[in-house]
PDB file of N, CA and C in Angstrom:
ATOM      1  N   MET A   1     -22.519 -36.130  63.628  1.00  0.00           N
ATOM      2  CA  MET A   1     -22.170 -37.294  62.851  1.00  0.00           C
ATOM      3  C   MET A   1     -21.835 -38.430  63.823  1.00  0.00           C
ATOM      4  N   SER A   2     -22.295 -39.639  63.533  1.00  0.00           N
ATOM      5  CA  SER A   2     -22.042 -40.771  64.415  1.00  0.00           C
ATOM      6  C   SER A   2     -20.582 -41.209  64.337  1.00  0.00           C
ATOM      7  N   ALA A   3     -20.157 -41.907  65.372  1.00  0.00           N
ATOM      8  CA  ALA A   3     -18.776 -42.377  65.439  1.00  0.00           C
ATOM      9  C   ALA A   3     -18.540 -43.465  64.394  1.00  0.00           C
ATOM     10  N   PRO A   4     -17.335 -43.520  63.831  1.00  0.00           N
ATOM     11  CA  PRO A   4     -17.033 -44.547  62.851  1.00  0.00           C
ATOM     12  C   PRO A   4     -16.990 -45.938  63.492  1.00  0.00           C
ATOM     13  N   VAL A   5     -17.232 -46.960  62.682  1.00  0.00           N
ATOM     14  CA  VAL A   5     -17.143 -48.342  63.149  1.00  0.00           C
ATOM     15  C   VAL A   5     -15.667 -48.709  63.287  1.00  0.00           C
ATOM     16  N   PRO A   6     -15.342 -49.774  64.042  1.00  0.00           N
ATOM     17  CA  PRO A   6     -13.936 -50.137  64.256  1.00  0.00           C
ATOM     18  C   PRO A   6     -13.123 -50.298  62.966  1.00  0.00           C
ATOM     19  N   GLU A   7     -13.729 -50.852  61.912  1.00  0.00           N
ATOM     20  CA  GLU A   7     -12.996 -51.014  60.656  1.00  0.00           C
ATOM     21  C   GLU A   7     -12.635 -49.658  60.061  1.00  0.00           C
ATOM     22  N   ASP A   8     -13.518 -48.668  60.272  1.00  0.00           N
ATOM     23  CA  ASP A   8     -13.240 -47.326  59.773  1.00  0.00           C
ATOM     24  C   ASP A   8     -12.196 -46.627  60.636  1.00  0.00           C
ATOM     25  N   ASP A   9     -12.175 -46.932  61.920  1.00  0.00           N
ATOM     26  CA  ASP A   9     -11.131 -46.382  62.795  1.00  0.00           C
ATOM     27  C   ASP A   9      -9.756 -46.791  62.289  1.00  0.00           C
ATOM     28  N   LYS A  10      -9.625 -48.027  61.810  1.00  0.00           N
ATOM     29  CA  LYS A  10      -8.346 -48.493  61.262  1.00  0.00           C
ATOM     30  C   LYS A  10      -7.962 -47.660  60.043  1.00  0.00           C
ATOM     31  N   LEU A  11      -8.936 -47.354  59.191  1.00  0.00           N
ATOM     32  CA  LEU A  11      -8.650 -46.526  58.023  1.00  0.00           C
ATOM     33  C   LEU A  11      -8.185 -45.135  58.442  1.00  0.00           C
ATOM     34  N   ILE A  12      -8.792 -44.587  59.474  1.00  0.00           N
ATOM     35  CA  ILE A  12      -8.396 -43.266  59.967  1.00  0.00           C
ATOM     36  C   ILE A  12      -6.957 -43.298  60.462  1.00  0.00           C
ATOM     37  N   VAL A  13      -6.600 -44.338  61.213  1.00  0.00           N
ATOM     38  CA  VAL A  13      -5.226 -44.477  61.714  1.00  0.00           C
ATOM     39  C   VAL A  13      -4.245 -44.587  60.549  1.00  0.00           C
ATOM     40  N   LEU A  14      -4.571 -45.398  59.555  1.00  0.00           N
ATOM     41  CA  LEU A  14      -3.691 -45.556  58.396  1.00  0.00           C
ATOM     42  C   LEU A  14      -3.543 -44.245  57.627  1.00  0.00           C
ATOM     43  N   ALA A  15      -4.635 -43.526  57.433  1.00  0.00           N
ATOM     44  CA  ALA A  15      -4.589 -42.255  56.709  1.00  0.00           C
ATOM     45  C   ALA A  15      -3.773 -41.212  57.472  1.00  0.00           C
ATOM     46  N   ARG A  16      -3.958 -41.162  58.782  1.00  0.00           N
ATOM     47  CA  ARG A  16      -3.174 -40.221  59.587  1.00  0.00           C
ATOM     48  C   ARG A  16      -1.689 -40.574  59.553  1.00  0.00           C
ATOM     49  N   GLY A  17      -1.389 -41.881  59.507  1.00  0.00           N
ATOM     50  CA  GLY A  17       0.003 -42.321  59.402  1.00  0.00           C
ATOM     51  C   GLY A  17       0.632 -41.891  58.088  1.00  0.00           C
ATOM     52  N   ALA A  18      -0.112 -42.039  56.992  1.00  0.00           N
ATOM     53  CA  ALA A  18       0.398 -41.617  55.685  1.00  0.00           C
ATOM     54  C   ALA A  18       0.646 -40.109  55.671  1.00  0.00           C
ATOM     55  N   LEU A  19      -0.277 -39.353  56.249  1.00  0.00           N
ATOM     56  CA  LEU A  19      -0.143 -37.905  56.360  1.00  0.00           C
ATOM     57  C   LEU A  19       1.129 -37.548  57.124  1.00  0.00           C
ATOM     58  N   ALA A  20       1.352 -38.198  58.243  1.00  0.00           N
ATOM     59  CA  ALA A  20       2.518 -37.895  59.079  1.00  0.00           C
ATOM     60  C   ALA A  20       3.825 -38.273  58.379  1.00  0.00           C
ATOM     61  N   ARG A  21       3.856 -39.459  57.765  1.00  0.00           N
ATOM     62  CA  ARG A  21       5.085 -39.899  57.084  1.00  0.00           C
ATOM     63  C   ARG A  21       5.464 -38.952  55.953  1.00  0.00           C
ATOM     64  N   ALA A  22       4.476 -38.496  55.213  1.00  0.00           N
ATOM     65  CA  ALA A  22       4.735 -37.617  54.065  1.00  0.00           C
ATOM     66  C   ALA A  22       4.854 -36.150  54.473  1.00  0.00           C
ATOM     67  N   GLU A  23       4.566 -35.867  55.749  1.00  0.00           N
ATOM     68  CA  GLU A  23       4.606 -34.502  56.264  1.00  0.00           C
ATOM     69  C   GLU A  23       3.793 -33.569  55.372  1.00  0.00           C
ATOM     70  N   THR A  24       2.528 -33.931  55.190  1.00  0.00           N
ATOM     71  CA  THR A  24       1.630 -33.180  54.325  1.00  0.00           C
ATOM     72  C   THR A  24       0.355 -32.817  55.078  1.00  0.00           C
ATOM     73  N   THR A  25      -0.604 -32.245  54.401  1.00  0.00           N
ATOM     74  CA  THR A  25      -1.822 -31.780  55.066  1.00  0.00           C
ATOM     75  C   THR A  25      -3.004 -32.723  54.912  1.00  0.00           C
ATOM     76  N   SER A  26      -2.815 -33.836  54.192  1.00  0.00           N
ATOM     77  CA  SER A  26      -3.893 -34.812  54.072  1.00  0.00           C
ATOM     78  C   SER A  26      -3.322 -36.202  53.882  1.00  0.00           C
ATOM     79  N   GLY A  27      -4.148 -37.173  54.188  1.00  0.00           N
ATOM     80  CA  GLY A  27      -3.800 -38.579  53.997  1.00  0.00           C
ATOM     81  C   GLY A  27      -5.090 -39.327  53.749  1.00  0.00           C
ATOM     82  N   ALA A  28      -4.997 -40.490  53.140  1.00  0.00           N
ATOM     83  CA  ALA A  28      -6.203 -41.255  52.841  1.00  0.00           C
ATOM     84  C   ALA A  28      -5.915 -42.744  52.976  1.00  0.00           C
ATOM     85  N   ALA A  29      -6.986 -43.497  53.127  1.00  0.00           N
ATOM     86  CA  ALA A  29      -6.894 -44.957  53.156  1.00  0.00           C
ATOM     87  C   ALA A  29      -8.182 -45.520  52.580  1.00  0.00           C
ATOM     88  N   VAL A  30      -8.066 -46.680  51.954  1.00  0.00           N
ATOM     89  CA  VAL A  30      -9.235 -47.370  51.400  1.00  0.00           C
ATOM     90  C   VAL A  30      -9.237 -48.816  51.888  1.00  0.00           C
ATOM     91  N   ARG A  31     -10.438 -49.382  51.972  1.00  0.00           N
ATOM     92  CA  ARG A  31     -10.613 -50.803  52.269  1.00  0.00           C
ATOM     93  C   ARG A  31     -11.268 -51.419  51.041  1.00  0.00           C
ATOM     94  N   ASP A  32     -10.635 -52.464  50.507  1.00  0.00           N
ATOM     95  CA  ASP A  32     -11.193 -53.076  49.309  1.00  0.00           C
ATOM     96  C   ASP A  32     -12.260 -54.102  49.674  1.00  0.00           C
ATOM     97  N   GLY A  33     -12.845 -54.712  48.657  1.00  0.00           N
ATOM     98  CA  GLY A  33     -13.930 -55.661  48.864  1.00  0.00           C
ATOM     99  C   GLY A  33     -13.532 -56.910  49.610  1.00  0.00           C
ATOM    100  N   ASP A  34     -12.232 -57.181  49.703  1.00  0.00           N
ATOM    101  CA  ASP A  34     -11.732 -58.337  50.459  1.00  0.00           C
ATOM    102  C   ASP A  34     -11.273 -57.957  51.860  1.00  0.00           C
ATOM    103  N   GLY A  35     -11.424 -56.671  52.224  1.00  0.00           N
ATOM    104  CA  GLY A  35     -11.035 -56.211  53.554  1.00  0.00           C
ATOM    105  C   GLY A  35      -9.591 -55.750  53.666  1.00  0.00           C
ATOM    106  N   ARG A  36      -8.843 -55.792  52.562  1.00  0.00           N
ATOM    107  CA  ARG A  36      -7.455 -55.313  52.599  1.00  0.00           C
ATOM    108  C   ARG A  36      -7.451 -53.791  52.600  1.00  0.00           C
ATOM    109  N   THR A  37      -6.446 -53.203  53.217  1.00  0.00           N
ATOM    110  CA  THR A  37      -6.377 -51.753  53.342  1.00  0.00           C
ATOM    111  C   THR A  37      -5.125 -51.200  52.671  1.00  0.00           C
ATOM    112  N   TYR A  38      -5.259 -49.980  52.184  1.00  0.00           N
ATOM    113  CA  TYR A  38      -4.179 -49.291  51.480  1.00  0.00           C
ATOM    114  C   TYR A  38      -4.229 -47.829  51.888  1.00  0.00           C
ATOM    115  N   ALA A  39      -3.064 -47.213  52.034  1.00  0.00           N
ATOM    116  CA  ALA A  39      -3.004 -45.811  52.444  1.00  0.00           C
ATOM    117  C   ALA A  39      -2.167 -45.021  51.458  1.00  0.00           C
ATOM    118  N   GLY A  40      -2.361 -43.711  51.461  1.00  0.00           N
ATOM    119  CA  GLY A  40      -1.582 -42.857  50.578  1.00  0.00           C
ATOM    120  C   GLY A  40      -1.598 -41.417  51.022  1.00  0.00           C
ATOM    121  N   ALA A  41      -0.644 -40.671  50.501  1.00  0.00           N
ATOM    122  CA  ALA A  41      -0.535 -39.231  50.729  1.00  0.00           C
ATOM    123  C   ALA A  41      -0.499 -38.557  49.362  1.00  0.00           C
ATOM    124  N   PRO A  42      -0.757 -37.267  49.315  1.00  0.00           N
ATOM    125  CA  PRO A  42      -0.760 -36.575  48.020  1.00  0.00           C
ATOM    126  C   PRO A  42       0.610 -36.619  47.337  1.00  0.00           C
ATOM    127  N   VAL A  43       0.574 -36.579  46.022  1.00  0.00           N
ATOM    128  CA  VAL A  43       1.779 -36.496  45.200  1.00  0.00           C
ATOM    129  C   VAL A  43       1.654 -35.232  44.365  1.00  0.00           C
ATOM    130  N   ALA A  44       2.666 -34.407  44.391  1.00  0.00           N
ATOM    131  CA  ALA A  44       2.642 -33.177  43.596  1.00  0.00           C
ATOM    132  C   ALA A  44       4.027 -32.943  43.004  1.00  0.00           C
ATOM    133  N   THR A  45       4.147 -33.240  41.717  1.00  0.00           N
ATOM    134  CA  THR A  45       5.381 -32.977  40.988  1.00  0.00           C
ATOM    135  C   THR A  45       5.000 -32.244  39.703  1.00  0.00           C
ATOM    136  N   SER A  46       5.986 -31.860  38.931  1.00  0.00           N
ATOM    137  CA  SER A  46       5.668 -31.195  37.666  1.00  0.00           C
ATOM    138  C   SER A  46       5.025 -32.169  36.681  1.00  0.00           C
ATOM    139  N   ALA A  47       5.288 -33.452  36.841  1.00  0.00           N
ATOM    140  CA  ALA A  47       4.747 -34.452  35.913  1.00  0.00           C
ATOM    141  C   ALA A  47       3.473 -35.124  36.402  1.00  0.00           C
ATOM    142  N   LEU A  48       3.176 -35.052  37.698  1.00  0.00           N
ATOM    143  CA  LEU A  48       2.042 -35.801  38.238  1.00  0.00           C
ATOM    144  C   LEU A  48       1.505 -35.129  39.492  1.00  0.00           C
ATOM    145  N   THR A  49       0.196 -34.973  39.554  1.00  0.00           N
ATOM    146  CA  THR A  49      -0.460 -34.458  40.751  1.00  0.00           C
ATOM    147  C   THR A  49      -1.638 -35.361  41.084  1.00  0.00           C
ATOM    148  N   LEU A  50      -1.613 -35.942  42.277  1.00  0.00           N
ATOM    149  CA  LEU A  50      -2.676 -36.825  42.755  1.00  0.00           C
ATOM    150  C   LEU A  50      -3.027 -36.469  44.188  1.00  0.00           C
ATOM    151  N   THR A  51      -4.302 -36.581  44.535  1.00  0.00           N
ATOM    152  CA  THR A  51      -4.702 -36.406  45.925  1.00  0.00           C
ATOM    153  C   THR A  51      -4.364 -37.675  46.703  1.00  0.00           C
ATOM    154  N   ALA A  52      -4.427 -37.581  48.002  1.00  0.00           N
ATOM    155  CA  ALA A  52      -4.151 -38.750  48.846  1.00  0.00           C
ATOM    156  C   ALA A  52      -5.120 -39.889  48.536  1.00  0.00           C
ATOM    157  N   LEU A  53      -6.392 -39.566  48.320  1.00  0.00           N
ATOM    158  CA  LEU A  53      -7.369 -40.607  48.006  1.00  0.00           C
ATOM    159  C   LEU A  53      -7.080 -41.247  46.655  1.00  0.00           C
ATOM    160  N   GLN A  54      -6.684 -40.465  45.676  1.00  0.00           N
ATOM    161  CA  GLN A  54      -6.326 -41.039  44.386  1.00  0.00           C
ATOM    162  C   GLN A  54      -5.139 -41.991  44.523  1.00  0.00           C
ATOM    163  N   VAL A  55      -4.152 -41.628  45.337  1.00  0.00           N
ATOM    164  CA  VAL A  55      -2.989 -42.492  45.547  1.00  0.00           C
ATOM    165  C   VAL A  55      -3.403 -43.793  46.234  1.00  0.00           C
ATOM    166  N   ALA A  56      -4.184 -43.693  47.305  1.00  0.00           N
ATOM    167  CA  ALA A  56      -4.605 -44.893  48.040  1.00  0.00           C
ATOM    168  C   ALA A  56      -5.440 -45.810  47.149  1.00  0.00           C
ATOM    169  N   ALA A  57      -6.381 -45.234  46.396  1.00  0.00           N
ATOM    170  CA  ALA A  57      -7.234 -46.042  45.522  1.00  0.00           C
ATOM    171  C   ALA A  57      -6.433 -46.658  44.380  1.00  0.00           C
ATOM    172  N   ALA A  58      -5.521 -45.904  43.792  1.00  0.00           N
ATOM    173  CA  ALA A  58      -4.689 -46.436  42.713  1.00  0.00           C
ATOM    174  C   ALA A  58      -3.783 -47.559  43.222  1.00  0.00           C
ATOM    175  N   THR A  59      -3.272 -47.418  44.434  1.00  0.00           N
ATOM    176  CA  THR A  59      -2.452 -48.474  45.027  1.00  0.00           C
ATOM    177  C   THR A  59      -3.275 -49.746  45.195  1.00  0.00           C
ATOM    178  N   ALA A  60      -4.499 -49.589  45.661  1.00  0.00           N
ATOM    179  CA  ALA A  60      -5.382 -50.756  45.817  1.00  0.00           C
ATOM    180  C   ALA A  60      -5.660 -51.413  44.469  1.00  0.00           C
ATOM    181  N   LEU A  61      -6.007 -50.606  43.482  1.00  0.00           N
ATOM    182  CA  LEU A  61      -6.311 -51.151  42.158  1.00  0.00           C
ATOM    183  C   LEU A  61      -5.090 -51.835  41.543  1.00  0.00           C
ATOM    184  N   SER A  62      -3.909 -51.240  41.713  1.00  0.00           N
ATOM    185  CA  SER A  62      -2.703 -51.845  41.143  1.00  0.00           C
ATOM    186  C   SER A  62      -2.280 -53.102  41.894  1.00  0.00           C
ATOM    187  N   SER A  63      -2.865 -53.315  43.070  1.00  0.00           N
ATOM    188  CA  SER A  63      -2.607 -54.529  43.847  1.00  0.00           C
ATOM    189  C   SER A  63      -3.676 -55.592  43.620  1.00  0.00           C
ATOM    190  N   GLY A  64      -4.598 -55.323  42.708  1.00  0.00           N
ATOM    191  CA  GLY A  64      -5.605 -56.314  42.356  1.00  0.00           C
ATOM    192  C   GLY A  64      -6.979 -56.116  42.952  1.00  0.00           C
ATOM    193  N   ALA A  65      -7.205 -55.031  43.663  1.00  0.00           N
ATOM    194  CA  ALA A  65      -8.534 -54.796  44.235  1.00  0.00           C
ATOM    195  C   ALA A  65      -9.557 -54.688  43.111  1.00  0.00           C
ATOM    196  N   GLN A  66     -10.705 -55.303  43.328  1.00  0.00           N
ATOM    197  CA  GLN A  66     -11.781 -55.267  42.337  1.00  0.00           C
ATOM    198  C   GLN A  66     -12.905 -54.316  42.750  1.00  0.00           C
ATOM    199  N   SER A  67     -12.960 -53.998  44.046  1.00  0.00           N
ATOM    200  CA  SER A  67     -14.015 -53.127  44.555  1.00  0.00           C
ATOM    201  C   SER A  67     -13.539 -52.456  45.836  1.00  0.00           C
ATOM    202  N   PHE A  68     -14.296 -51.423  46.234  1.00  0.00           N
ATOM    203  CA  PHE A  68     -14.029 -50.719  47.489  1.00  0.00           C
ATOM    204  C   PHE A  68     -15.240 -50.827  48.392  1.00  0.00           C
ATOM    205  N   GLU A  69     -14.983 -50.990  49.694  1.00  0.00           N
ATOM    206  CA  GLU A  69     -16.051 -50.927  50.694  1.00  0.00           C
ATOM    207  C   GLU A  69     -16.147 -49.523  51.267  1.00  0.00           C
ATOM    208  N   ALA A  70     -14.982 -48.967  51.611  1.00  0.00           N
ATOM    209  CA  ALA A  70     -14.952 -47.675  52.299  1.00  0.00           C
ATOM    210  C   ALA A  70     -13.621 -46.986  52.082  1.00  0.00           C
ATOM    211  N   ALA A  71     -13.637 -45.684  52.341  1.00  0.00           N
ATOM    212  CA  ALA A  71     -12.419 -44.880  52.263  1.00  0.00           C
ATOM    213  C   ALA A  71     -12.486 -43.792  53.322  1.00  0.00           C
ATOM    214  N   VAL A  72     -11.325 -43.236  53.624  1.00  0.00           N
ATOM    215  CA  VAL A  72     -11.226 -42.119  54.567  1.00  0.00           C
ATOM    216  C   VAL A  72     -10.250 -41.112  53.978  1.00  0.00           C
ATOM    217  N   ILE A  73     -10.610 -39.836  54.086  1.00  0.00           N
ATOM    218  CA  ILE A  73      -9.673 -38.759  53.771  1.00  0.00           C
ATOM    219  C   ILE A  73      -9.513 -37.938  55.039  1.00  0.00           C
ATOM    220  N   VAL A  74      -8.322 -37.928  55.591  1.00  0.00           N
ATOM    221  CA  VAL A  74      -8.017 -37.102  56.755  1.00  0.00           C
ATOM    222  C   VAL A  74      -7.510 -35.766  56.233  1.00  0.00           C
ATOM    223  N   GLY A  75      -8.159 -34.701  56.650  1.00  0.00           N
ATOM    224  CA  GLY A  75      -7.768 -33.371  56.190  1.00  0.00           C
ATOM    225  C   GLY A  75      -8.175 -33.111  54.754  1.00  0.00           C
ATOM    226  N   GLY A  76      -9.196 -33.807  54.293  1.00  0.00           N
ATOM    227  CA  GLY A  76      -9.637 -33.671  52.907  1.00  0.00           C
ATOM    228  C   GLY A  76     -10.886 -32.841  52.770  1.00  0.00           C
ATOM    229  N   ALA A  77     -11.453 -32.881  51.563  1.00  0.00           N
ATOM    230  CA  ALA A  77     -12.656 -32.107  51.267  1.00  0.00           C
ATOM    231  C   ALA A  77     -13.604 -32.945  50.420  1.00  0.00           C
ATOM    232  N   ASP A  78     -14.872 -32.553  50.416  1.00  0.00           N
ATOM    233  CA  ASP A  78     -15.868 -33.336  49.686  1.00  0.00           C
ATOM    234  C   ASP A  78     -15.865 -33.071  48.180  1.00  0.00           C
ATOM    235  N   ASP A  79     -14.893 -32.300  47.690  1.00  0.00           N
ATOM    236  CA  ASP A  79     -14.734 -32.130  46.247  1.00  0.00           C
ATOM    237  C   ASP A  79     -13.467 -32.820  45.733  1.00  0.00           C
ATOM    238  N   ASP A  80     -12.906 -33.720  46.544  1.00  0.00           N
ATOM    239  CA  ASP A  80     -11.704 -34.462  46.169  1.00  0.00           C
ATOM    240  C   ASP A  80     -11.983 -35.285  44.909  1.00  0.00           C
ATOM    241  N   PRO A  81     -11.155 -35.184  43.870  1.00  0.00           N
ATOM    242  CA  PRO A  81     -11.382 -35.968  42.658  1.00  0.00           C
ATOM    243  C   PRO A  81     -11.281 -37.477  42.878  1.00  0.00           C
ATOM    244  N   GLY A  82     -10.669 -37.896  43.966  1.00  0.00           N
ATOM    245  CA  GLY A  82     -10.608 -39.323  44.285  1.00  0.00           C
ATOM    246  C   GLY A  82     -11.980 -39.914  44.572  1.00  0.00           C
ATOM    247  N   LEU A  83     -12.929 -39.071  44.967  1.00  0.00           N
ATOM    248  CA  LEU A  83     -14.290 -39.554  45.210  1.00  0.00           C
ATOM    249  C   LEU A  83     -14.904 -40.103  43.921  1.00  0.00           C
ATOM    250  N   ASP A  84     -14.573 -39.489  42.788  1.00  0.00           N
ATOM    251  CA  ASP A  84     -15.066 -39.986  41.502  1.00  0.00           C
ATOM    252  C   ASP A  84     -14.485 -41.361  41.191  1.00  0.00           C
ATOM    253  N   LEU A  85     -13.238 -41.565  41.544  1.00  0.00           N
ATOM    254  CA  LEU A  85     -12.607 -42.868  41.331  1.00  0.00           C
ATOM    255  C   LEU A  85     -13.277 -43.938  42.186  1.00  0.00           C
ATOM    256  N   VAL A  86     -13.523 -43.642  43.444  1.00  0.00           N
ATOM    257  CA  VAL A  86     -14.208 -44.596  44.323  1.00  0.00           C
ATOM    258  C   VAL A  86     -15.592 -44.923  43.761  1.00  0.00           C
ATOM    259  N   ALA A  87     -16.314 -43.897  43.309  1.00  0.00           N
ATOM    260  CA  ALA A  87     -17.655 -44.109  42.752  1.00  0.00           C
ATOM    261  C   ALA A  87     -17.617 -44.932  41.475  1.00  0.00           C
ATOM    262  N   GLU A  88     -16.613 -44.701  40.636  1.00  0.00           N
ATOM    263  CA  GLU A  88     -16.498 -45.454  39.387  1.00  0.00           C
ATOM    264  C   GLU A  88     -16.305 -46.946  39.646  1.00  0.00           C
ATOM    265  N   ILE A  89     -15.535 -47.271  40.667  1.00  0.00           N
ATOM    266  CA  ILE A  89     -15.222 -48.670  40.963  1.00  0.00           C
ATOM    267  C   ILE A  89     -16.333 -49.337  41.759  1.00  0.00           C
ATOM    268  N   SER A  90     -16.931 -48.620  42.706  1.00  0.00           N
ATOM    269  CA  SER A  90     -17.920 -49.240  43.603  1.00  0.00           C
ATOM    270  C   SER A  90     -19.037 -48.292  43.990  1.00  0.00           C
ATOM    271  N   ARG A  91     -20.146 -48.395  43.303  1.00  0.00           N
ATOM    272  CA  ARG A  91     -21.331 -47.648  43.707  1.00  0.00           C
ATOM    273  C   ARG A  91     -21.752 -48.152  45.087  1.00  0.00           C
ATOM    274  N   GLY A  92     -22.088 -47.244  45.968  1.00  0.00           N
ATOM    275  CA  GLY A  92     -22.496 -47.624  47.312  1.00  0.00           C
ATOM    276  C   GLY A  92     -21.369 -47.593  48.328  1.00  0.00           C
ATOM    277  N   ALA A  93     -20.113 -47.550  47.862  1.00  0.00           N
ATOM    278  CA  ALA A  93     -18.995 -47.403  48.806  1.00  0.00           C
ATOM    279  C   ALA A  93     -19.100 -46.010  49.426  1.00  0.00           C
ATOM    280  N   TYR A  94     -18.579 -45.862  50.619  1.00  0.00           N
ATOM    281  CA  TYR A  94     -18.641 -44.549  51.266  1.00  0.00           C
ATOM    282  C   TYR A  94     -17.249 -44.061  51.619  1.00  0.00           C
ATOM    283  N   THR A  95     -17.137 -42.746  51.706  1.00  0.00           N
ATOM    284  CA  THR A  95     -15.887 -42.107  52.106  1.00  0.00           C
ATOM    285  C   THR A  95     -16.171 -41.195  53.278  1.00  0.00           C
ATOM    286  N   LEU A  96     -15.426 -41.391  54.344  1.00  0.00           N
ATOM    287  CA  LEU A  96     -15.501 -40.494  55.501  1.00  0.00           C
ATOM    288  C   LEU A  96     -14.447 -39.414  55.332  1.00  0.00           C
ATOM    289  N   ILE A  97     -14.854 -38.177  55.519  1.00  0.00           N
ATOM    290  CA  ILE A  97     -13.926 -37.063  55.479  1.00  0.00           C
ATOM    291  C   ILE A  97     -13.772 -36.579  56.915  1.00  0.00           C
ATOM    292  N   THR A  98     -12.539 -36.501  57.369  1.00  0.00           N
ATOM    293  CA  THR A  98     -12.288 -36.137  58.764  1.00  0.00           C
ATOM    294  C   THR A  98     -11.408 -34.889  58.848  1.00  0.00           C
ATOM    295  N   ASP A  99     -11.377 -34.330  60.043  1.00  0.00           N
ATOM    296  CA  ASP A  99     -10.423 -33.264  60.291  1.00  0.00           C
ATOM    297  C   ASP A  99      -9.062 -33.909  60.559  1.00  0.00           C
ATOM    298  N   LEU A 100      -8.063 -33.097  60.848  1.00  0.00           N
ATOM    299  CA  LEU A 100      -6.713 -33.634  61.028  1.00  0.00           C
ATOM    300  C   LEU A 100      -6.582 -34.547  62.246  1.00  0.00           C
ATOM    301  N   LYS A 101      -7.475 -34.409  63.210  1.00  0.00           N
ATOM    302  CA  LYS A 101      -7.441 -35.276  64.385  1.00  0.00           C
ATOM    303  C   LYS A 101      -8.182 -36.584  64.164  1.00  0.00           C
ATOM    304  N   GLY A 102      -8.887 -36.706  63.044  1.00  0.00           N
ATOM    305  CA  GLY A 102      -9.611 -37.936  62.743  1.00  0.00           C
ATOM    306  C   GLY A 102     -11.089 -37.900  63.092  1.00  0.00           C
ATOM    307  N   ALA A 103     -11.603 -36.744  63.508  1.00  0.00           N
ATOM    308  CA  ALA A 103     -13.035 -36.630  63.788  1.00  0.00           C
ATOM    309  C   ALA A 103     -13.793 -36.496  62.473  1.00  0.00           C
ATOM    310  N   VAL A 104     -14.822 -37.316  62.309  1.00  0.00           N
ATOM    311  CA  VAL A 104     -15.582 -37.322  61.054  1.00  0.00           C
ATOM    312  C   VAL A 104     -16.347 -36.014  60.890  1.00  0.00           C
ATOM    313  N   VAL A 105     -16.165 -35.401  59.722  1.00  0.00           N
ATOM    314  CA  VAL A 105     -16.835 -34.155  59.363  1.00  0.00           C
ATOM    315  C   VAL A 105     -18.009 -34.431  58.432  1.00  0.00           C
ATOM    316  N   SER A 106     -17.816 -35.361  57.495  1.00  0.00           N
ATOM    317  CA  SER A 106     -18.899 -35.714  56.574  1.00  0.00           C
ATOM    318  C   SER A 106     -18.683 -37.118  56.020  1.00  0.00           C
ATOM    319  N   LYS A 107     -19.758 -37.628  55.441  1.00  0.00           N
ATOM    320  CA  LYS A 107     -19.738 -38.955  54.823  1.00  0.00           C
ATOM    321  C   LYS A 107     -20.317 -38.816  53.417  1.00  0.00           C
ATOM    322  N   VAL A 108     -19.570 -39.295  52.434  1.00  0.00           N
ATOM    323  CA  VAL A 108     -19.979 -39.217  51.039  1.00  0.00           C
ATOM    324  C   VAL A 108     -20.211 -40.646  50.538  1.00  0.00           C
ATOM    325  N   VAL A 109     -21.411 -40.912  50.042  1.00  0.00           N
ATOM    326  CA  VAL A 109     -21.731 -42.241  49.510  1.00  0.00           C
ATOM    327  C   VAL A 109     -21.637 -42.185  47.999  1.00  0.00           C
ATOM    328  N   ALA A 110     -20.874 -43.111  47.403  1.00  0.00           N
ATOM    329  CA  ALA A 110     -20.704 -43.161  45.957  1.00  0.00           C
ATOM    330  C   ALA A 110     -22.011 -43.523  45.286  1.00  0.00           C
ATOM    331  N   ARG A 111     -22.398 -42.779  44.282  1.00  0.00           N
ATOM    332  CA  ARG A 111     -23.643 -43.023  43.534  1.00  0.00           C
ATOM    333  C   ARG A 111     -23.362 -43.249  42.082  1.00  0.00           C
TER     334      ARG A 111
END
């Protein structure tokens, strides 16, 4: 897999930061259509369960984002339900899935 572009490197750093702050096994970040970035970690309570990507995307949407350019899931998987959210908002947006160190494992393009 090719190396991420500098803008994607920023998303990886933000996602890894969210993972570390929450002391969890995954973190995510999204870049909206205006270039703003948002990060998140998973939420798991008896009343609500969200993946890191769902949290990051929901934070972006609640902040007024109209579209997504890209997303990153650090320590995630290609069956993350947040991928459906990214696809619903922006066909053609892509999500990089990385290992815990930030090395890209796969790239999922929203269709």
